[in-house]
Amino acid sequence: MALHTIPARRGLALAVKKGQHYKVINTHGYQIVDHWAFNADDPREFMSMEHCHVAIDKLTPVVGDSMVTNKRRPIITLMEDTSPGVHDTLIAACDIYRYQQLGAKGYHDNCTDNLAAALKALGVAQPETPCPFNLYQNTQYHAGKGFAYLPTVSKKNDYVLFRADMDAVVAFSCCPQDMVPVNSGNPTEAHVEII
C-alpha cells in the first residue's frame, strides 16, 4: 500500500494498473476532490460524465457502478463508499474564468490548472479538461430554481474506493473553491491510498 497526499488547493496524478484499487480519503471531512481518469495508453479516451449518466442511468453512481469513457468502456468501478454518497457529476472543473466571474482579483488556484500540472508531472499530454467526478461535492439542483452550492456532508476520513478497469492515469484536485461555501471556506488536503 502507498499513501499519497493531494495538497490543499493542488492536484495529483497517479498511474494505476487494471484491477488495482485506490481509496480517495476525505481526510478532514469537508474537502471536495475533483477526480478524472484517462486511458494510460491513449489519454484522448477519458472518464466522461455525459457517457456515465447513460451507462449507469443515474446522475450519481452508487457502489457497483462502473464509470465509462467517451468510448463507452468501463474505466473505474465504485467499490465502496463510506460517505453519505453525495457526489456531483454535473459541475465543470473550476478555472480562472469562474473565479473572475466571482470577483477574484488576479490569479486564483483552480482545478483546471491543477489537472494540467498533475498530468504534466507524469509526462501525460492533456487532451482537454473533461467534466470531473466531483467527490464529496454537495451541489443540489432544484427544478426551476437552479443549483444550490452547499457544504459537503461527508465526515472526517470518509473514503471512496475504486477499482481500475483498465490501465489508467487517475488524477485529483483538492478544489480550491473558497468563494462559495462548498469547502466550508477552507480548502485543505486529502489523500489517495493505492492498494
N, C-alpha and C. Protein backbone atom coordinates (compact mmCIF):
# COMPACT_ATOMS: atom_id res chain seq x y z
N MET A 1 0.84 -1.19 0.00
CA MET A 1 0.00 0.00 0.00
C MET A 1 0.88 1.24 0.00
N ALA A 2 0.40 2.27 -0.68
CA ALA A 2 1.13 3.54 -0.73
C ALA A 2 0.13 4.68 -0.52
N LEU A 3 0.44 5.57 0.40
CA LEU A 3 -0.42 6.71 0.70
C LEU A 3 0.17 7.96 0.07
N HIS A 4 -0.65 8.67 -0.70
CA HIS A 4 -0.23 9.88 -1.39
C HIS A 4 -1.07 11.05 -0.91
N THR A 5 -0.44 12.21 -0.79
CA THR A 5 -1.15 13.43 -0.39
C THR A 5 -1.54 14.23 -1.61
N ILE A 6 -2.81 14.64 -1.65
CA ILE A 6 -3.24 15.66 -2.61
C ILE A 6 -3.15 16.97 -1.82
N PRO A 7 -2.18 17.81 -2.11
CA PRO A 7 -2.02 19.02 -1.29
C PRO A 7 -3.23 19.94 -1.39
N ALA A 8 -3.47 20.70 -0.34
CA ALA A 8 -4.55 21.68 -0.36
C ALA A 8 -4.38 22.59 -1.57
N ARG A 9 -5.47 22.78 -2.30
CA ARG A 9 -5.53 23.69 -3.45
C ARG A 9 -4.71 23.23 -4.65
N ARG A 10 -4.22 21.99 -4.63
CA ARG A 10 -3.36 21.48 -5.69
C ARG A 10 -3.88 20.15 -6.24
N GLY A 11 -3.13 19.59 -7.21
CA GLY A 11 -3.54 18.35 -7.85
C GLY A 11 -2.51 17.25 -7.71
N LEU A 12 -2.91 16.06 -8.14
CA LEU A 12 -2.05 14.88 -8.10
C LEU A 12 -2.54 13.92 -9.17
N ALA A 13 -1.61 13.28 -9.87
CA ALA A 13 -1.95 12.23 -10.83
C ALA A 13 -1.11 11.00 -10.53
N LEU A 14 -1.73 9.84 -10.70
CA LEU A 14 -1.07 8.57 -10.39
C LEU A 14 -1.41 7.54 -11.47
N ALA A 15 -0.48 6.67 -11.78
CA ALA A 15 -0.73 5.57 -12.70
C ALA A 15 -1.27 4.38 -11.91
N VAL A 16 -2.33 3.76 -12.41
CA VAL A 16 -2.88 2.55 -11.79
C VAL A 16 -3.04 1.48 -12.87
N LYS A 17 -2.84 0.25 -12.46
CA LYS A 17 -2.98 -0.88 -13.38
C LYS A 17 -4.39 -1.45 -13.31
N LYS A 18 -4.80 -2.10 -14.38
CA LYS A 18 -6.10 -2.76 -14.40
C LYS A 18 -6.21 -3.72 -13.22
N GLY A 19 -7.30 -3.63 -12.48
CA GLY A 19 -7.52 -4.48 -11.32
C GLY A 19 -7.02 -3.90 -10.01
N GLN A 20 -6.22 -2.86 -10.09
CA GLN A 20 -5.71 -2.22 -8.88
C GLN A 20 -6.80 -1.36 -8.24
N HIS A 21 -6.75 -1.25 -6.91
CA HIS A 21 -7.72 -0.45 -6.16
C HIS A 21 -7.05 0.80 -5.60
N TYR A 22 -7.83 1.86 -5.49
CA TYR A 22 -7.34 3.08 -4.85
C TYR A 22 -8.47 3.73 -4.07
N LYS A 23 -8.09 4.30 -2.95
CA LYS A 23 -9.04 4.88 -2.00
C LYS A 23 -8.81 6.39 -1.93
N VAL A 24 -9.87 7.16 -2.14
CA VAL A 24 -9.79 8.63 -2.05
C VAL A 24 -10.37 9.04 -0.70
N ILE A 25 -9.52 9.56 0.17
CA ILE A 25 -9.88 9.81 1.57
C ILE A 25 -10.13 11.30 1.79
N ASN A 26 -11.30 11.61 2.32
CA ASN A 26 -11.63 12.99 2.69
C ASN A 26 -11.10 13.22 4.11
N THR A 27 -9.82 13.48 4.18
CA THR A 27 -9.06 13.46 5.42
C THR A 27 -9.67 14.33 6.52
N HIS A 28 -10.12 15.52 6.16
CA HIS A 28 -10.66 16.45 7.16
C HIS A 28 -12.18 16.53 7.13
N GLY A 29 -12.79 15.88 6.14
CA GLY A 29 -14.23 15.72 6.13
C GLY A 29 -15.02 16.70 5.31
N TYR A 30 -14.42 17.79 4.86
CA TYR A 30 -15.23 18.78 4.15
C TYR A 30 -14.63 19.21 2.82
N GLN A 31 -13.68 18.46 2.32
CA GLN A 31 -12.96 18.84 1.10
C GLN A 31 -13.53 18.15 -0.13
N ILE A 32 -13.83 18.92 -1.16
CA ILE A 32 -14.20 18.36 -2.46
C ILE A 32 -12.93 17.92 -3.18
N VAL A 33 -13.01 16.74 -3.80
CA VAL A 33 -11.89 16.24 -4.59
C VAL A 33 -12.39 15.98 -6.01
N ASP A 34 -11.98 16.84 -6.95
CA ASP A 34 -12.28 16.60 -8.35
C ASP A 34 -11.48 15.38 -8.79
N HIS A 35 -12.12 14.49 -9.56
CA HIS A 35 -11.48 13.23 -9.95
C HIS A 35 -11.66 13.00 -11.45
N TRP A 36 -10.55 12.65 -12.11
CA TRP A 36 -10.56 12.30 -13.52
C TRP A 36 -9.84 10.97 -13.70
N ALA A 37 -10.12 10.29 -14.82
CA ALA A 37 -9.39 9.07 -15.17
C ALA A 37 -9.19 9.06 -16.69
N PHE A 38 -7.96 8.72 -17.10
CA PHE A 38 -7.58 8.69 -18.51
C PHE A 38 -7.02 7.32 -18.85
N ASN A 39 -7.30 6.84 -20.04
CA ASN A 39 -6.69 5.61 -20.54
C ASN A 39 -5.18 5.83 -20.59
N ALA A 40 -4.42 4.97 -19.94
CA ALA A 40 -2.97 5.15 -19.87
C ALA A 40 -2.31 5.06 -21.23
N ASP A 41 -2.92 4.33 -22.16
CA ASP A 41 -2.34 4.17 -23.49
C ASP A 41 -2.76 5.27 -24.47
N ASP A 42 -3.87 5.94 -24.15
CA ASP A 42 -4.37 7.00 -25.04
C ASP A 42 -5.21 7.96 -24.21
N PRO A 43 -4.62 9.06 -23.71
CA PRO A 43 -5.36 9.97 -22.84
C PRO A 43 -6.51 10.71 -23.52
N ARG A 44 -6.63 10.53 -24.84
CA ARG A 44 -7.80 11.09 -25.51
C ARG A 44 -9.07 10.31 -25.16
N GLU A 45 -8.88 9.13 -24.56
CA GLU A 45 -10.01 8.37 -24.01
C GLU A 45 -10.01 8.60 -22.50
N PHE A 46 -11.11 9.11 -21.98
CA PHE A 46 -11.16 9.50 -20.58
C PHE A 46 -12.55 9.28 -20.01
N MET A 47 -12.62 9.20 -18.69
CA MET A 47 -13.90 9.08 -17.99
C MET A 47 -14.76 10.29 -18.36
N SER A 48 -15.96 10.00 -18.84
CA SER A 48 -16.85 11.05 -19.34
C SER A 48 -18.15 11.04 -18.55
N MET A 49 -18.43 12.15 -17.88
CA MET A 49 -19.66 12.22 -17.09
C MET A 49 -20.90 12.09 -17.95
N GLU A 50 -20.88 12.67 -19.15
CA GLU A 50 -22.04 12.57 -20.03
C GLU A 50 -22.34 11.12 -20.39
N HIS A 51 -21.29 10.37 -20.71
CA HIS A 51 -21.47 8.97 -21.07
C HIS A 51 -21.81 8.12 -19.85
N CYS A 52 -21.28 8.51 -18.68
CA CYS A 52 -21.61 7.78 -17.45
C CYS A 52 -23.08 7.90 -17.11
N HIS A 53 -23.67 9.07 -17.31
CA HIS A 53 -25.09 9.24 -16.99
C HIS A 53 -25.94 8.20 -17.72
N VAL A 54 -25.60 7.96 -18.98
CA VAL A 54 -26.34 6.98 -19.77
C VAL A 54 -26.01 5.56 -19.31
N ALA A 55 -24.72 5.30 -19.06
CA ALA A 55 -24.29 3.95 -18.71
C ALA A 55 -24.87 3.47 -17.39
N ILE A 56 -24.93 4.36 -16.39
CA ILE A 56 -25.43 3.95 -15.07
C ILE A 56 -26.89 4.34 -14.86
N ASP A 57 -27.43 5.12 -15.79
CA ASP A 57 -28.84 5.53 -15.76
C ASP A 57 -29.19 6.32 -14.49
N LYS A 58 -28.23 7.12 -14.04
CA LYS A 58 -28.46 7.99 -12.89
C LYS A 58 -27.41 9.09 -12.90
N LEU A 59 -27.62 10.12 -12.08
CA LEU A 59 -26.68 11.24 -12.04
C LEU A 59 -25.48 10.97 -11.15
N THR A 60 -25.67 10.19 -10.11
CA THR A 60 -24.58 9.90 -9.18
C THR A 60 -24.42 8.40 -9.03
N PRO A 61 -23.22 7.87 -9.23
CA PRO A 61 -23.03 6.42 -9.11
C PRO A 61 -23.15 5.95 -7.67
N VAL A 62 -23.49 4.68 -7.55
CA VAL A 62 -23.51 4.01 -6.25
C VAL A 62 -22.57 2.81 -6.34
N VAL A 63 -22.33 2.19 -5.19
CA VAL A 63 -21.43 1.05 -5.15
C VAL A 63 -21.85 0.00 -6.18
N GLY A 64 -20.88 -0.45 -6.96
CA GLY A 64 -21.12 -1.43 -8.01
C GLY A 64 -21.21 -0.83 -9.40
N ASP A 65 -21.40 0.49 -9.49
CA ASP A 65 -21.49 1.14 -10.79
C ASP A 65 -20.12 1.33 -11.41
N SER A 66 -20.03 1.08 -12.72
CA SER A 66 -18.81 1.33 -13.47
C SER A 66 -18.94 2.64 -14.22
N MET A 67 -17.91 3.48 -14.07
CA MET A 67 -17.85 4.72 -14.80
C MET A 67 -17.19 4.44 -16.15
N VAL A 68 -17.68 5.08 -17.20
CA VAL A 68 -17.22 4.75 -18.54
C VAL A 68 -16.53 5.93 -19.20
N THR A 69 -15.85 5.63 -20.30
CA THR A 69 -15.11 6.64 -21.05
C THR A 69 -15.97 7.23 -22.15
N ASN A 70 -15.37 8.18 -22.86
CA ASN A 70 -16.02 8.76 -24.03
C ASN A 70 -16.12 7.75 -25.17
N LYS A 71 -15.53 6.56 -24.99
CA LYS A 71 -15.73 5.44 -25.92
C LYS A 71 -16.65 4.39 -25.31
N ARG A 72 -17.29 4.76 -24.20
CA ARG A 72 -18.30 3.93 -23.50
C ARG A 72 -17.73 2.61 -22.98
N ARG A 73 -16.45 2.63 -22.59
CA ARG A 73 -15.82 1.46 -21.99
C ARG A 73 -15.60 1.72 -20.51
N PRO A 74 -15.80 0.70 -19.67
CA PRO A 74 -15.55 0.88 -18.23
C PRO A 74 -14.10 1.26 -17.97
N ILE A 75 -13.91 2.27 -17.12
CA ILE A 75 -12.55 2.69 -16.76
C ILE A 75 -12.30 2.55 -15.27
N ILE A 76 -13.30 2.85 -14.43
CA ILE A 76 -13.20 2.61 -12.99
C ILE A 76 -14.56 2.14 -12.48
N THR A 77 -14.53 1.39 -11.38
CA THR A 77 -15.77 0.94 -10.74
C THR A 77 -15.76 1.37 -9.28
N LEU A 78 -16.88 1.89 -8.84
CA LEU A 78 -17.04 2.30 -7.43
C LEU A 78 -17.28 1.04 -6.60
N MET A 79 -16.34 0.75 -5.70
CA MET A 79 -16.39 -0.49 -4.93
C MET A 79 -16.93 -0.31 -3.52
N GLU A 80 -16.66 0.85 -2.92
CA GLU A 80 -17.08 1.10 -1.54
C GLU A 80 -17.17 2.61 -1.33
N ASP A 81 -18.13 3.03 -0.50
CA ASP A 81 -18.29 4.45 -0.22
C ASP A 81 -18.76 4.59 1.22
N THR A 82 -17.89 5.10 2.09
CA THR A 82 -18.26 5.26 3.50
C THR A 82 -18.88 6.62 3.78
N SER A 83 -18.90 7.50 2.77
CA SER A 83 -19.54 8.81 2.93
C SER A 83 -21.05 8.65 2.74
N PRO A 84 -21.81 9.73 2.93
CA PRO A 84 -23.26 9.64 2.65
C PRO A 84 -23.59 9.43 1.18
N GLY A 85 -22.58 9.39 0.31
CA GLY A 85 -22.84 9.13 -1.11
C GLY A 85 -23.24 10.36 -1.89
N VAL A 86 -23.00 11.54 -1.34
CA VAL A 86 -23.35 12.79 -2.02
C VAL A 86 -22.12 13.26 -2.80
N HIS A 87 -22.20 13.10 -4.13
CA HIS A 87 -21.14 13.49 -5.04
C HIS A 87 -21.78 14.21 -6.22
N ASP A 88 -20.97 14.82 -7.06
CA ASP A 88 -21.51 15.59 -8.19
C ASP A 88 -20.87 15.16 -9.50
N THR A 89 -21.69 15.07 -10.55
CA THR A 89 -21.17 14.74 -11.88
C THR A 89 -21.59 15.78 -12.92
N LEU A 90 -22.10 16.93 -12.47
CA LEU A 90 -22.63 17.92 -13.40
C LEU A 90 -21.78 19.17 -13.55
N ILE A 91 -21.06 19.56 -12.51
CA ILE A 91 -20.39 20.85 -12.48
C ILE A 91 -18.98 20.75 -13.07
N ALA A 92 -18.68 21.63 -14.01
CA ALA A 92 -17.35 21.66 -14.64
C ALA A 92 -16.28 22.01 -13.61
N ALA A 93 -15.06 21.61 -13.90
CA ALA A 93 -13.93 21.98 -13.04
C ALA A 93 -13.82 23.50 -12.98
N CYS A 94 -13.51 24.00 -11.79
CA CYS A 94 -13.32 25.45 -11.67
C CYS A 94 -12.09 25.85 -12.48
N ASP A 95 -12.10 27.09 -12.94
CA ASP A 95 -10.99 27.63 -13.72
C ASP A 95 -10.86 29.12 -13.41
N ILE A 96 -9.85 29.74 -13.97
CA ILE A 96 -9.59 31.14 -13.68
C ILE A 96 -10.78 32.01 -14.06
N TYR A 97 -11.51 31.60 -15.11
CA TYR A 97 -12.65 32.39 -15.56
C TYR A 97 -13.79 32.35 -14.56
N ARG A 98 -13.99 31.21 -13.94
CA ARG A 98 -15.02 31.08 -12.90
C ARG A 98 -14.72 32.03 -11.74
N TYR A 99 -13.47 32.07 -11.33
CA TYR A 99 -13.11 32.93 -10.20
C TYR A 99 -13.18 34.41 -10.58
N GLN A 100 -12.85 34.74 -11.82
CA GLN A 100 -13.02 36.12 -12.27
C GLN A 100 -14.49 36.53 -12.22
N GLN A 101 -15.38 35.60 -12.63
CA GLN A 101 -16.81 35.88 -12.58
C GLN A 101 -17.28 36.09 -11.14
N LEU A 102 -16.63 35.40 -10.21
CA LEU A 102 -16.99 35.53 -8.79
C LEU A 102 -16.35 36.75 -8.13
N GLY A 103 -15.48 37.45 -8.87
CA GLY A 103 -14.90 38.67 -8.34
C GLY A 103 -13.46 38.57 -7.89
N ALA A 104 -12.80 37.45 -8.16
CA ALA A 104 -11.40 37.30 -7.75
C ALA A 104 -10.53 38.29 -8.51
N LYS A 105 -9.58 38.86 -7.82
CA LYS A 105 -8.61 39.78 -8.42
C LYS A 105 -7.30 39.02 -8.60
N GLY A 106 -6.76 39.05 -9.79
CA GLY A 106 -5.52 38.34 -10.05
C GLY A 106 -5.75 36.83 -10.15
N TYR A 107 -4.65 36.08 -10.06
CA TYR A 107 -4.73 34.63 -10.23
C TYR A 107 -5.36 33.96 -9.01
N HIS A 108 -6.16 32.93 -9.26
CA HIS A 108 -6.74 32.11 -8.19
C HIS A 108 -6.46 30.66 -8.54
N ASP A 109 -5.94 29.88 -7.59
CA ASP A 109 -5.76 28.44 -7.82
C ASP A 109 -7.07 27.86 -8.34
N ASN A 110 -6.96 26.85 -9.22
CA ASN A 110 -8.18 26.26 -9.78
C ASN A 110 -7.92 24.83 -10.23
N CYS A 111 -8.99 24.06 -10.34
CA CYS A 111 -8.88 22.63 -10.64
C CYS A 111 -8.42 22.37 -12.07
N THR A 112 -8.78 23.24 -13.00
CA THR A 112 -8.34 23.05 -14.38
C THR A 112 -6.82 23.11 -14.47
N ASP A 113 -6.22 24.12 -13.86
CA ASP A 113 -4.76 24.22 -13.86
C ASP A 113 -4.12 23.12 -13.03
N ASN A 114 -4.78 22.71 -11.94
CA ASN A 114 -4.25 21.62 -11.13
C ASN A 114 -4.17 20.32 -11.92
N LEU A 115 -5.20 20.05 -12.72
CA LEU A 115 -5.18 18.85 -13.56
C LEU A 115 -4.03 18.92 -14.55
N ALA A 116 -3.88 20.04 -15.22
CA ALA A 116 -2.81 20.19 -16.22
C ALA A 116 -1.44 19.96 -15.58
N ALA A 117 -1.22 20.55 -14.42
CA ALA A 117 0.08 20.41 -13.74
C ALA A 117 0.32 18.97 -13.29
N ALA A 118 -0.71 18.31 -12.78
CA ALA A 118 -0.56 16.93 -12.30
C ALA A 118 -0.24 15.99 -13.45
N LEU A 119 -0.92 16.14 -14.58
CA LEU A 119 -0.65 15.29 -15.74
C LEU A 119 0.73 15.57 -16.31
N LYS A 120 1.10 16.85 -16.37
CA LYS A 120 2.42 17.21 -16.89
C LYS A 120 3.53 16.57 -16.06
N ALA A 121 3.32 16.49 -14.74
CA ALA A 121 4.33 15.88 -13.86
C ALA A 121 4.56 14.41 -14.19
N LEU A 122 3.55 13.76 -14.78
CA LEU A 122 3.70 12.36 -15.19
C LEU A 122 4.07 12.24 -16.67
N GLY A 123 4.20 13.36 -17.34
CA GLY A 123 4.52 13.33 -18.76
C GLY A 123 3.34 12.98 -19.64
N VAL A 124 2.13 13.21 -19.15
CA VAL A 124 0.92 12.90 -19.91
C VAL A 124 0.43 14.16 -20.60
N ALA A 125 0.23 14.05 -21.91
CA ALA A 125 -0.31 15.18 -22.67
C ALA A 125 -1.81 15.27 -22.43
N GLN A 126 -2.26 16.41 -21.97
CA GLN A 126 -3.67 16.59 -21.64
C GLN A 126 -4.46 16.97 -22.89
N PRO A 127 -5.42 16.14 -23.29
CA PRO A 127 -6.18 16.45 -24.50
C PRO A 127 -7.19 17.59 -24.28
N GLU A 128 -7.78 17.64 -23.11
CA GLU A 128 -8.78 18.64 -22.75
C GLU A 128 -9.04 18.50 -21.25
N THR A 129 -9.92 19.32 -20.72
CA THR A 129 -10.31 19.19 -19.32
C THR A 129 -11.73 18.62 -19.28
N PRO A 130 -11.85 17.31 -19.11
CA PRO A 130 -13.20 16.73 -19.05
C PRO A 130 -13.93 17.19 -17.79
N CYS A 131 -15.23 17.10 -17.80
CA CYS A 131 -16.00 17.35 -16.58
C CYS A 131 -15.58 16.33 -15.54
N PRO A 132 -15.22 16.75 -14.34
CA PRO A 132 -14.75 15.80 -13.33
C PRO A 132 -15.89 15.10 -12.60
N PHE A 133 -15.53 14.01 -11.95
CA PHE A 133 -16.40 13.35 -10.96
C PHE A 133 -16.03 14.04 -9.65
N ASN A 134 -16.90 14.93 -9.19
CA ASN A 134 -16.61 15.77 -8.02
C ASN A 134 -16.97 15.03 -6.73
N LEU A 135 -15.99 14.34 -6.19
CA LEU A 135 -16.22 13.55 -4.99
C LEU A 135 -16.52 14.48 -3.82
N TYR A 136 -17.54 14.12 -3.07
CA TYR A 136 -17.97 14.82 -1.85
C TYR A 136 -18.62 16.17 -2.12
N GLN A 137 -18.82 16.55 -3.38
CA GLN A 137 -19.42 17.86 -3.65
C GLN A 137 -20.93 17.79 -3.49
N ASN A 138 -21.46 18.69 -2.70
CA ASN A 138 -22.90 18.73 -2.39
C ASN A 138 -23.56 19.88 -3.15
N THR A 139 -23.72 19.67 -4.44
CA THR A 139 -24.42 20.64 -5.28
C THR A 139 -25.79 20.07 -5.60
N GLN A 140 -26.81 20.77 -5.18
CA GLN A 140 -28.19 20.29 -5.35
C GLN A 140 -28.90 21.12 -6.41
N TYR A 141 -29.59 20.43 -7.31
CA TYR A 141 -30.37 21.12 -8.34
C TYR A 141 -31.84 21.14 -7.94
N HIS A 142 -32.42 22.31 -8.01
CA HIS A 142 -33.84 22.47 -7.71
C HIS A 142 -34.54 22.95 -8.97
N ALA A 143 -35.45 22.12 -9.48
CA ALA A 143 -36.12 22.41 -10.75
C ALA A 143 -36.74 23.81 -10.73
N GLY A 144 -36.45 24.55 -11.77
CA GLY A 144 -37.00 25.89 -11.91
C GLY A 144 -36.29 26.95 -11.10
N LYS A 145 -35.37 26.54 -10.23
CA LYS A 145 -34.67 27.50 -9.37
C LYS A 145 -33.17 27.50 -9.60
N GLY A 146 -32.60 26.38 -10.01
CA GLY A 146 -31.18 26.31 -10.28
C GLY A 146 -30.41 25.52 -9.24
N PHE A 147 -29.09 25.74 -9.22
CA PHE A 147 -28.19 24.99 -8.35
C PHE A 147 -28.02 25.69 -7.00
N ALA A 148 -27.89 24.87 -5.97
CA ALA A 148 -27.50 25.35 -4.64
C ALA A 148 -26.16 24.72 -4.32
N TYR A 149 -25.15 25.57 -4.08
CA TYR A 149 -23.79 25.11 -3.78
C TYR A 149 -23.64 25.05 -2.26
N LEU A 150 -23.69 23.85 -1.72
CA LEU A 150 -23.79 23.65 -0.27
C LEU A 150 -22.51 23.01 0.28
N PRO A 151 -22.26 23.16 1.57
CA PRO A 151 -21.11 22.47 2.18
C PRO A 151 -21.25 20.96 2.04
N THR A 152 -20.12 20.27 2.03
CA THR A 152 -20.14 18.82 1.95
C THR A 152 -20.83 18.23 3.18
N VAL A 153 -21.31 17.00 3.02
CA VAL A 153 -21.95 16.31 4.15
C VAL A 153 -21.11 15.11 4.59
N SER A 154 -19.93 14.96 4.02
CA SER A 154 -19.05 13.86 4.43
C SER A 154 -18.40 14.18 5.77
N LYS A 155 -17.87 13.15 6.38
CA LYS A 155 -17.21 13.29 7.68
C LYS A 155 -15.71 13.00 7.55
N LYS A 156 -14.98 13.36 8.57
CA LYS A 156 -13.54 13.14 8.60
C LYS A 156 -13.20 11.67 8.31
N ASN A 157 -12.29 11.47 7.38
CA ASN A 157 -11.78 10.16 6.97
C ASN A 157 -12.78 9.30 6.20
N ASP A 158 -13.93 9.87 5.78
CA ASP A 158 -14.78 9.14 4.82
C ASP A 158 -13.94 8.86 3.58
N TYR A 159 -14.24 7.75 2.91
CA TYR A 159 -13.49 7.44 1.70
C TYR A 159 -14.37 6.80 0.65
N VAL A 160 -13.87 6.87 -0.57
CA VAL A 160 -14.49 6.18 -1.70
C VAL A 160 -13.40 5.28 -2.30
N LEU A 161 -13.74 4.00 -2.48
CA LEU A 161 -12.79 3.02 -3.01
C LEU A 161 -13.17 2.68 -4.45
N PHE A 162 -12.18 2.74 -5.33
CA PHE A 162 -12.39 2.43 -6.74
C PHE A 162 -11.49 1.28 -7.18
N ARG A 163 -11.93 0.59 -8.24
CA ARG A 163 -11.10 -0.40 -8.94
C ARG A 163 -10.86 0.10 -10.35
N ALA A 164 -9.62 0.05 -10.80
CA ALA A 164 -9.31 0.41 -12.17
C ALA A 164 -9.72 -0.73 -13.10
N ASP A 165 -10.47 -0.40 -14.14
CA ASP A 165 -10.94 -1.41 -15.09
C ASP A 165 -10.11 -1.44 -16.36
N MET A 166 -9.11 -0.57 -16.44
CA MET A 166 -8.10 -0.60 -17.50
C MET A 166 -6.86 0.09 -16.92
N ASP A 167 -5.72 -0.10 -17.55
CA ASP A 167 -4.55 0.68 -17.14
C ASP A 167 -4.91 2.15 -17.32
N ALA A 168 -4.74 2.93 -16.28
CA ALA A 168 -5.24 4.30 -16.32
C ALA A 168 -4.30 5.25 -15.59
N VAL A 169 -4.46 6.51 -15.90
CA VAL A 169 -3.90 7.59 -15.10
C VAL A 169 -5.08 8.26 -14.41
N VAL A 170 -5.07 8.20 -13.08
CA VAL A 170 -6.14 8.84 -12.32
C VAL A 170 -5.60 10.15 -11.77
N ALA A 171 -6.43 11.17 -11.80
CA ALA A 171 -5.99 12.50 -11.38
C ALA A 171 -6.99 13.10 -10.42
N PHE A 172 -6.49 13.96 -9.55
CA PHE A 172 -7.31 14.53 -8.48
C PHE A 172 -6.92 15.99 -8.26
N SER A 173 -7.87 16.77 -7.80
CA SER A 173 -7.58 18.14 -7.37
C SER A 173 -8.35 18.41 -6.09
N CYS A 174 -7.63 18.85 -5.05
CA CYS A 174 -8.30 19.35 -3.85
C CYS A 174 -8.84 20.73 -4.21
N CYS A 175 -10.11 20.79 -4.50
CA CYS A 175 -10.71 22.00 -5.06
C CYS A 175 -10.40 23.21 -4.19
N PRO A 176 -9.86 24.29 -4.80
CA PRO A 176 -9.51 25.48 -4.03
C PRO A 176 -10.65 26.48 -3.89
N GLN A 177 -11.87 26.05 -4.20
CA GLN A 177 -13.00 26.97 -4.15
C GLN A 177 -13.20 27.51 -2.73
N ASP A 178 -13.03 28.81 -2.58
CA ASP A 178 -13.22 29.46 -1.29
C ASP A 178 -14.11 30.70 -1.41
N MET A 179 -14.79 30.80 -2.56
CA MET A 179 -15.65 31.97 -2.78
C MET A 179 -17.13 31.63 -2.72
N VAL A 180 -17.44 30.35 -2.69
CA VAL A 180 -18.78 29.84 -2.36
C VAL A 180 -18.56 28.78 -1.29
N PRO A 181 -19.60 28.43 -0.52
CA PRO A 181 -19.36 27.65 0.71
C PRO A 181 -19.15 26.14 0.55
N VAL A 182 -18.76 25.67 -0.63
CA VAL A 182 -18.71 24.23 -0.84
C VAL A 182 -17.64 23.51 -0.02
N ASN A 183 -16.52 24.14 0.24
CA ASN A 183 -15.46 23.53 1.06
C ASN A 183 -15.45 24.12 2.47
N SER A 184 -16.57 24.60 2.91
CA SER A 184 -16.68 25.27 4.21
C SER A 184 -15.71 26.44 4.32
N GLY A 185 -15.35 27.02 3.15
CA GLY A 185 -14.49 28.20 3.13
C GLY A 185 -13.04 27.94 3.44
N ASN A 186 -12.65 26.67 3.55
CA ASN A 186 -11.29 26.36 3.99
C ASN A 186 -10.74 25.14 3.25
N PRO A 187 -10.34 25.30 1.98
CA PRO A 187 -9.79 24.17 1.23
C PRO A 187 -8.60 23.55 1.97
N THR A 188 -8.54 22.22 1.94
CA THR A 188 -7.50 21.52 2.67
C THR A 188 -7.01 20.31 1.86
N GLU A 189 -6.09 19.57 2.42
CA GLU A 189 -5.55 18.39 1.76
C GLU A 189 -6.51 17.22 1.82
N ALA A 190 -6.24 16.23 0.98
CA ALA A 190 -6.91 14.93 1.04
C ALA A 190 -5.84 13.88 0.70
N HIS A 191 -6.21 12.62 0.73
CA HIS A 191 -5.22 11.58 0.48
C HIS A 191 -5.77 10.50 -0.45
N VAL A 192 -4.85 9.85 -1.15
CA VAL A 192 -5.17 8.72 -2.00
C VAL A 192 -4.28 7.55 -1.59
N GLU A 193 -4.91 6.43 -1.36
CA GLU A 193 -4.16 5.23 -0.99
C GLU A 193 -4.27 4.22 -2.13
N ILE A 194 -3.15 3.82 -2.67
CA ILE A 194 -3.11 2.77 -3.69
C ILE A 194 -3.00 1.43 -2.98
N ILE A 195 -3.91 0.54 -3.27
CA ILE A 195 -3.97 -0.74 -2.56
C ILE A 195 -3.52 -1.87 -3.49
